[in-house]
Amino acid sequence: SRDNAKNTVYLQMNSLKPEDTAVY
């Protein structure tokens, strides 16, 4: 999602798995 007024983008990550391990 993003908030254009704040120039910010978000990534909500649920049900995380070991294979999600990384530098984002």
PDB file of all heavy atoms in Angstrom:
ATOM      1  N   SER A   1       0.845  -1.184   0.000  1.00  0.00           N
ATOM      2  CA  SER A   1       0.000   0.000   0.000  1.00  0.00           C
ATOM      3  C   SER A   1       0.885   1.240   0.000  1.00  0.00           C
ATOM      4  O   SER A   1       2.102   1.152   0.184  1.00  0.00           O
ATOM      5  CB  SER A   1      -0.942   0.003   1.208  1.00  0.00           C
ATOM      6  OG  SER A   1      -0.206   0.015   2.420  1.00  0.00           O
ATOM      7  N   ARG A   2       0.278   2.401  -0.211  1.00  0.00           N
ATOM      8  CA  ARG A   2       1.058   3.633  -0.224  1.00  0.00           C
ATOM      9  C   ARG A   2       0.235   4.794   0.300  1.00  0.00           C
ATOM     10  O   ARG A   2      -1.001   4.791   0.236  1.00  0.00           O
ATOM     11  CB  ARG A   2       1.585   3.942  -1.631  1.00  0.00           C
ATOM     12  CG  ARG A   2       0.512   4.201  -2.670  1.00  0.00           C
ATOM     13  CD  ARG A   2       1.103   4.231  -4.077  1.00  0.00           C
ATOM     14  NE  ARG A   2       1.888   5.434  -4.319  1.00  0.00           N
ATOM     15  CZ  ARG A   2       2.659   5.636  -5.389  1.00  0.00           C
ATOM     16  NH1 ARG A   2       2.770   4.687  -6.306  1.00  0.00           N
ATOM     17  NH2 ARG A   2       3.332   6.770  -5.531  1.00  0.00           N
ATOM     18  N   ASP A   3       0.937   5.782   0.807  1.00  0.00           N
ATOM     19  CA  ASP A   3       0.345   7.025   1.263  1.00  0.00           C
ATOM     20  C   ASP A   3       1.040   8.129   0.483  1.00  0.00           C
ATOM     21  O   ASP A   3       2.165   8.514   0.806  1.00  0.00           O
ATOM     22  CB  ASP A   3       0.531   7.206   2.765  1.00  0.00           C
ATOM     23  CG  ASP A   3      -0.186   8.425   3.304  1.00  0.00           C
ATOM     24  OD1 ASP A   3      -0.446   9.369   2.543  1.00  0.00           O
ATOM     25  OD2 ASP A   3      -0.493   8.435   4.514  1.00  0.00           O
ATOM     26  N   ASN A   4       0.383   8.620  -0.554  1.00  0.00           N
ATOM     27  CA  ASN A   4       1.015   9.605  -1.431  1.00  0.00           C
ATOM     28  C   ASN A   4       1.310  10.923  -0.717  1.00  0.00           C
ATOM     29  O   ASN A   4       2.270  11.612  -1.051  1.00  0.00           O
ATOM     30  CB  ASN A   4       0.142   9.854  -2.658  1.00  0.00           C
ATOM     31  CG  ASN A   4       0.100   8.665  -3.589  1.00  0.00           C
ATOM     32  OD1 ASN A   4       1.034   7.863  -3.623  1.00  0.00           O
ATOM     33  ND2 ASN A   4      -0.969   8.544  -4.354  1.00  0.00           N
ATOM     34  N   ALA A   5       0.491  11.283   0.256  1.00  0.00           N
ATOM     35  CA  ALA A   5       0.720  12.513   1.004  1.00  0.00           C
ATOM     36  C   ALA A   5       1.997  12.438   1.826  1.00  0.00           C
ATOM     37  O   ALA A   5       2.612  13.462   2.124  1.00  0.00           O
ATOM     38  CB  ALA A   5      -0.466  12.819   1.903  1.00  0.00           C
ATOM     39  N   LYS A   6       2.393  11.226   2.206  1.00  0.00           N
ATOM     40  CA  LYS A   6       3.596  11.024   3.003  1.00  0.00           C
ATOM     41  C   LYS A   6       4.767  10.494   2.186  1.00  0.00           C
ATOM     42  O   LYS A   6       5.841  10.247   2.744  1.00  0.00           O
ATOM     43  CB  LYS A   6       3.314  10.063   4.156  1.00  0.00           C
ATOM     44  CG  LYS A   6       2.298  10.575   5.154  1.00  0.00           C
ATOM     45  CD  LYS A   6       2.079   9.572   6.274  1.00  0.00           C
ATOM     46  CE  LYS A   6       1.086  10.101   7.290  1.00  0.00           C
ATOM     47  NZ  LYS A   6       0.845   9.135   8.386  1.00  0.00           N
ATOM     48  N   ASN A   7       4.564  10.304   0.878  1.00  0.00           N
ATOM     49  CA  ASN A   7       5.600   9.737   0.012  1.00  0.00           C
ATOM     50  C   ASN A   7       6.155   8.434   0.585  1.00  0.00           C
ATOM     51  O   ASN A   7       7.364   8.206   0.591  1.00  0.00           O
ATOM     52  CB  ASN A   7       6.737  10.744  -0.207  1.00  0.00           C
ATOM     53  CG  ASN A   7       6.331  11.903  -1.091  1.00  0.00           C
ATOM     54  OD1 ASN A   7       5.448  11.773  -1.942  1.00  0.00           O
ATOM     55  ND2 ASN A   7       6.976  13.039  -0.908  1.00  0.00           N
ATOM     56  N   THR A   8       5.253   7.593   1.033  1.00  0.00           N
ATOM     57  CA  THR A   8       5.638   6.372   1.719  1.00  0.00           C
ATOM     58  C   THR A   8       4.908   5.168   1.141  1.00  0.00           C
ATOM     59  O   THR A   8       3.720   5.247   0.832  1.00  0.00           O
ATOM     60  CB  THR A   8       5.342   6.476   3.222  1.00  0.00           C
ATOM     61  OG1 THR A   8       6.094   7.569   3.772  1.00  0.00           O
ATOM     62  CG2 THR A   8       5.734   5.203   3.950  1.00  0.00           C
ATOM     63  N   VAL A   9       5.632   4.066   1.010  1.00  0.00           N
ATOM     64  CA  VAL A   9       5.056   2.806   0.587  1.00  0.00           C
ATOM     65  C   VAL A   9       5.277   1.784   1.700  1.00  0.00           C
ATOM     66  O   VAL A   9       6.290   1.823   2.398  1.00  0.00           O
ATOM     67  CB  VAL A   9       5.662   2.319  -0.750  1.00  0.00           C
ATOM     68  CG1 VAL A   9       7.155   2.056  -0.622  1.00  0.00           C
ATOM     69  CG2 VAL A   9       4.939   1.074  -1.257  1.00  0.00           C
ATOM     70  N   TYR A  10       4.309   0.875   1.851  1.00  0.00           N
ATOM     71  CA  TYR A  10       4.353  -0.122   2.909  1.00  0.00           C
ATOM     72  C   TYR A  10       4.262  -1.526   2.321  1.00  0.00           C
ATOM     73  O   TYR A  10       3.713  -1.731   1.240  1.00  0.00           O
ATOM     74  CB  TYR A  10       3.194   0.062   3.890  1.00  0.00           C
ATOM     75  CG  TYR A  10       3.091   1.447   4.473  1.00  0.00           C
ATOM     76  CD1 TYR A  10       2.269   2.404   3.885  1.00  0.00           C
ATOM     77  CD2 TYR A  10       3.803   1.803   5.609  1.00  0.00           C
ATOM     78  CE1 TYR A  10       2.163   3.679   4.410  1.00  0.00           C
ATOM     79  CE2 TYR A  10       3.707   3.072   6.146  1.00  0.00           C
ATOM     80  CZ  TYR A  10       2.887   4.004   5.545  1.00  0.00           C
ATOM     81  OH  TYR A  10       2.790   5.265   6.075  1.00  0.00           O
ATOM     82  N   LEU A  11       4.781  -2.477   3.066  1.00  0.00           N
ATOM     83  CA  LEU A  11       4.604  -3.882   2.733  1.00  0.00           C
ATOM     84  C   LEU A  11       4.225  -4.621   4.007  1.00  0.00           C
ATOM     85  O   LEU A  11       5.065  -4.819   4.888  1.00  0.00           O
ATOM     86  CB  LEU A  11       5.876  -4.479   2.128  1.00  0.00           C
ATOM     87  CG  LEU A  11       5.739  -5.914   1.621  1.00  0.00           C
ATOM     88  CD1 LEU A  11       4.819  -5.960   0.398  1.00  0.00           C
ATOM     89  CD2 LEU A  11       7.101  -6.506   1.276  1.00  0.00           C
ATOM     90  N   GLN A  12       2.952  -4.993   4.103  1.00  0.00           N
ATOM     91  CA  GLN A  12       2.476  -5.786   5.222  1.00  0.00           C
ATOM     92  C   GLN A  12       2.706  -7.250   4.898  1.00  0.00           C
ATOM     93  O   GLN A  12       2.171  -7.764   3.917  1.00  0.00           O
ATOM     94  CB  GLN A  12       0.991  -5.525   5.478  1.00  0.00           C
ATOM     95  CG  GLN A  12       0.394  -6.344   6.612  1.00  0.00           C
ATOM     96  CD  GLN A  12       0.958  -5.976   7.959  1.00  0.00           C
ATOM     97  OE1 GLN A  12       1.083  -4.799   8.281  1.00  0.00           O
ATOM     98  NE2 GLN A  12       1.314  -6.976   8.754  1.00  0.00           N
ATOM     99  N   MET A  13       3.489  -7.928   5.715  1.00  0.00           N
ATOM    100  CA  MET A  13       3.862  -9.312   5.472  1.00  0.00           C
ATOM    101  C   MET A  13       3.277 -10.182   6.571  1.00  0.00           C
ATOM    102  O   MET A  13       3.684 -10.091   7.733  1.00  0.00           O
ATOM    103  CB  MET A  13       5.382  -9.467   5.419  1.00  0.00           C
ATOM    104  CG  MET A  13       6.057  -8.554   4.395  1.00  0.00           C
ATOM    105  SD  MET A  13       7.840  -8.846   4.260  1.00  0.00           S
ATOM    106  CE  MET A  13       8.366  -8.329   5.899  1.00  0.00           C
ATOM    107  N   ASN A  14       2.317 -11.017   6.206  1.00  0.00           N
ATOM    108  CA  ASN A  14       1.678 -11.929   7.140  1.00  0.00           C
ATOM    109  C   ASN A  14       2.063 -13.368   6.813  1.00  0.00           C
ATOM    110  O   ASN A  14       2.517 -13.672   5.714  1.00  0.00           O
ATOM    111  CB  ASN A  14       0.157 -11.783   7.081  1.00  0.00           C
ATOM    112  CG  ASN A  14      -0.324 -10.410   7.478  1.00  0.00           C
ATOM    113  OD1 ASN A  14       0.276  -9.751   8.328  1.00  0.00           O
ATOM    114  ND2 ASN A  14      -1.431  -9.972   6.878  1.00  0.00           N
ATOM    115  N   SER A  15       1.853 -14.249   7.772  1.00  0.00           N
ATOM    116  CA  SER A  15       2.134 -15.678   7.597  1.00  0.00           C
ATOM    117  C   SER A  15       3.521 -15.908   7.013  1.00  0.00           C
ATOM    118  O   SER A  15       3.703 -16.659   6.056  1.00  0.00           O
ATOM    119  CB  SER A  15       1.065 -16.318   6.700  1.00  0.00           C
ATOM    120  OG  SER A  15      -0.227 -16.157   7.247  1.00  0.00           O
ATOM    121  N   LEU A  16       4.494 -15.270   7.602  1.00  0.00           N
ATOM    122  CA  LEU A  16       5.854 -15.330   7.075  1.00  0.00           C
ATOM    123  C   LEU A  16       6.414 -16.747   7.133  1.00  0.00           C
ATOM    124  O   LEU A  16       6.136 -17.510   8.062  1.00  0.00           O
ATOM    125  CB  LEU A  16       6.760 -14.378   7.842  1.00  0.00           C
ATOM    126  CG  LEU A  16       6.613 -12.907   7.434  1.00  0.00           C
ATOM    127  CD1 LEU A  16       7.198 -11.992   8.491  1.00  0.00           C
ATOM    128  CD2 LEU A  16       7.291 -12.671   6.082  1.00  0.00           C
ATOM    129  N   LYS A  17       7.189 -17.076   6.118  1.00  0.00           N
ATOM    130  CA  LYS A  17       7.823 -18.378   5.982  1.00  0.00           C
ATOM    131  C   LYS A  17       9.335 -18.220   5.958  1.00  0.00           C
ATOM    132  O   LYS A  17       9.839 -17.161   5.584  1.00  0.00           O
ATOM    133  CB  LYS A  17       7.372 -19.056   4.679  1.00  0.00           C
ATOM    134  CG  LYS A  17       5.873 -19.205   4.527  1.00  0.00           C
ATOM    135  CD  LYS A  17       5.531 -19.760   3.148  1.00  0.00           C
ATOM    136  CE  LYS A  17       4.045 -19.919   2.975  1.00  0.00           C
ATOM    137  NZ  LYS A  17       3.699 -20.435   1.624  1.00  0.00           N
ATOM    138  N   PRO A  18      10.078 -19.262   6.322  1.00  0.00           N
ATOM    139  CA  PRO A  18      11.541 -19.165   6.262  1.00  0.00           C
ATOM    140  C   PRO A  18      12.060 -18.760   4.883  1.00  0.00           C
ATOM    141  O   PRO A  18      13.070 -18.050   4.801  1.00  0.00           O
ATOM    142  CB  PRO A  18      12.004 -20.578   6.634  1.00  0.00           C
ATOM    143  CG  PRO A  18      10.928 -21.078   7.536  1.00  0.00           C
ATOM    144  CD  PRO A  18       9.648 -20.524   6.956  1.00  0.00           C
ATOM    145  N   GLU A  19      11.384 -19.172   3.823  1.00  0.00           N
ATOM    146  CA  GLU A  19      11.816 -18.817   2.480  1.00  0.00           C
ATOM    147  C   GLU A  19      11.610 -17.340   2.143  1.00  0.00           C
ATOM    148  O   GLU A  19      12.057 -16.876   1.091  1.00  0.00           O
ATOM    149  CB  GLU A  19      11.127 -19.693   1.422  1.00  0.00           C
ATOM    150  CG  GLU A  19       9.622 -19.761   1.563  1.00  0.00           C
ATOM    151  CD  GLU A  19       9.156 -21.010   2.294  1.00  0.00           C
ATOM    152  OE1 GLU A  19       9.743 -21.328   3.351  1.00  0.00           O
ATOM    153  OE2 GLU A  19       8.218 -21.670   1.815  1.00  0.00           O
ATOM    154  N   ASP A  20      10.940 -16.589   3.023  1.00  0.00           N
ATOM    155  CA  ASP A  20      10.819 -15.146   2.855  1.00  0.00           C
ATOM    156  C   ASP A  20      12.063 -14.410   3.342  1.00  0.00           C
ATOM    157  O   ASP A  20      12.169 -13.197   3.148  1.00  0.00           O
ATOM    158  CB  ASP A  20       9.600 -14.611   3.607  1.00  0.00           C
ATOM    159  CG  ASP A  20       8.286 -15.130   3.052  1.00  0.00           C
ATOM    160  OD1 ASP A  20       8.147 -15.208   1.814  1.00  0.00           O
ATOM    161  OD2 ASP A  20       7.396 -15.459   3.859  1.00  0.00           O
ATOM    162  N   THR A  21      12.970 -15.117   3.984  1.00  0.00           N
ATOM    163  CA  THR A  21      14.189 -14.496   4.493  1.00  0.00           C
ATOM    164  C   THR A  21      14.995 -13.882   3.351  1.00  0.00           C
ATOM    165  O   THR A  21      15.333 -14.560   2.382  1.00  0.00           O
ATOM    166  CB  THR A  21      15.043 -15.524   5.238  1.00  0.00           C
ATOM    167  OG1 THR A  21      14.330 -15.974   6.398  1.00  0.00           O
ATOM    168  CG2 THR A  21      16.367 -14.918   5.671  1.00  0.00           C
ATOM    169  N   ALA A  22      15.293 -12.594   3.471  1.00  0.00           N
ATOM    170  CA  ALA A  22      16.008 -11.869   2.431  1.00  0.00           C
ATOM    171  C   ALA A  22      16.235 -10.436   2.880  1.00  0.00           C
ATOM    172  O   ALA A  22      15.681  -9.990   3.887  1.00  0.00           O
ATOM    173  CB  ALA A  22      15.209 -11.872   1.118  1.00  0.00           C
ATOM    174  N   VAL A  23      17.041  -9.726   2.118  1.00  0.00           N
ATOM    175  CA  VAL A  23      17.113  -8.282   2.246  1.00  0.00           C
ATOM    176  C   VAL A  23      16.046  -7.697   1.334  1.00  0.00           C
ATOM    177  O   VAL A  23      16.000  -8.021   0.146  1.00  0.00           O
ATOM    178  CB  VAL A  23      18.499  -7.728   1.872  1.00  0.00           C
ATOM    179  CG1 VAL A  23      18.503  -6.206   1.945  1.00  0.00           C
ATOM    180  CG2 VAL A  23      19.564  -8.304   2.794  1.00  0.00           C
ATOM    181  N   TYR A  24      15.201  -6.856   1.883  1.00  0.00           N
ATOM    182  CA  TYR A  24      14.104  -6.261   1.130  1.00  0.00           C
ATOM    183  C   TYR A  24      14.462  -4.832   0.752  1.00  0.00           C
ATOM    184  O   TYR A  24      14.863  -4.030   1.601  1.00  0.00           O
ATOM    185  CB  TYR A  24      12.814  -6.289   1.953  1.00  0.00           C
ATOM    186  CG  TYR A  24      12.173  -7.650   1.997  1.00  0.00           C
ATOM    187  CD1 TYR A  24      12.770  -8.687   2.710  1.00  0.00           C
ATOM    188  CD2 TYR A  24      10.988  -7.915   1.320  1.00  0.00           C
ATOM    189  CE1 TYR A  24      12.202  -9.950   2.734  1.00  0.00           C
ATOM    190  CE2 TYR A  24      10.411  -9.170   1.343  1.00  0.00           C
ATOM    191  CZ  TYR A  24      11.029 -10.183   2.052  1.00  0.00           C
ATOM    192  OH  TYR A  24      10.457 -11.441   2.080  1.00  0.00           O
TER     193      TYR A  24
END
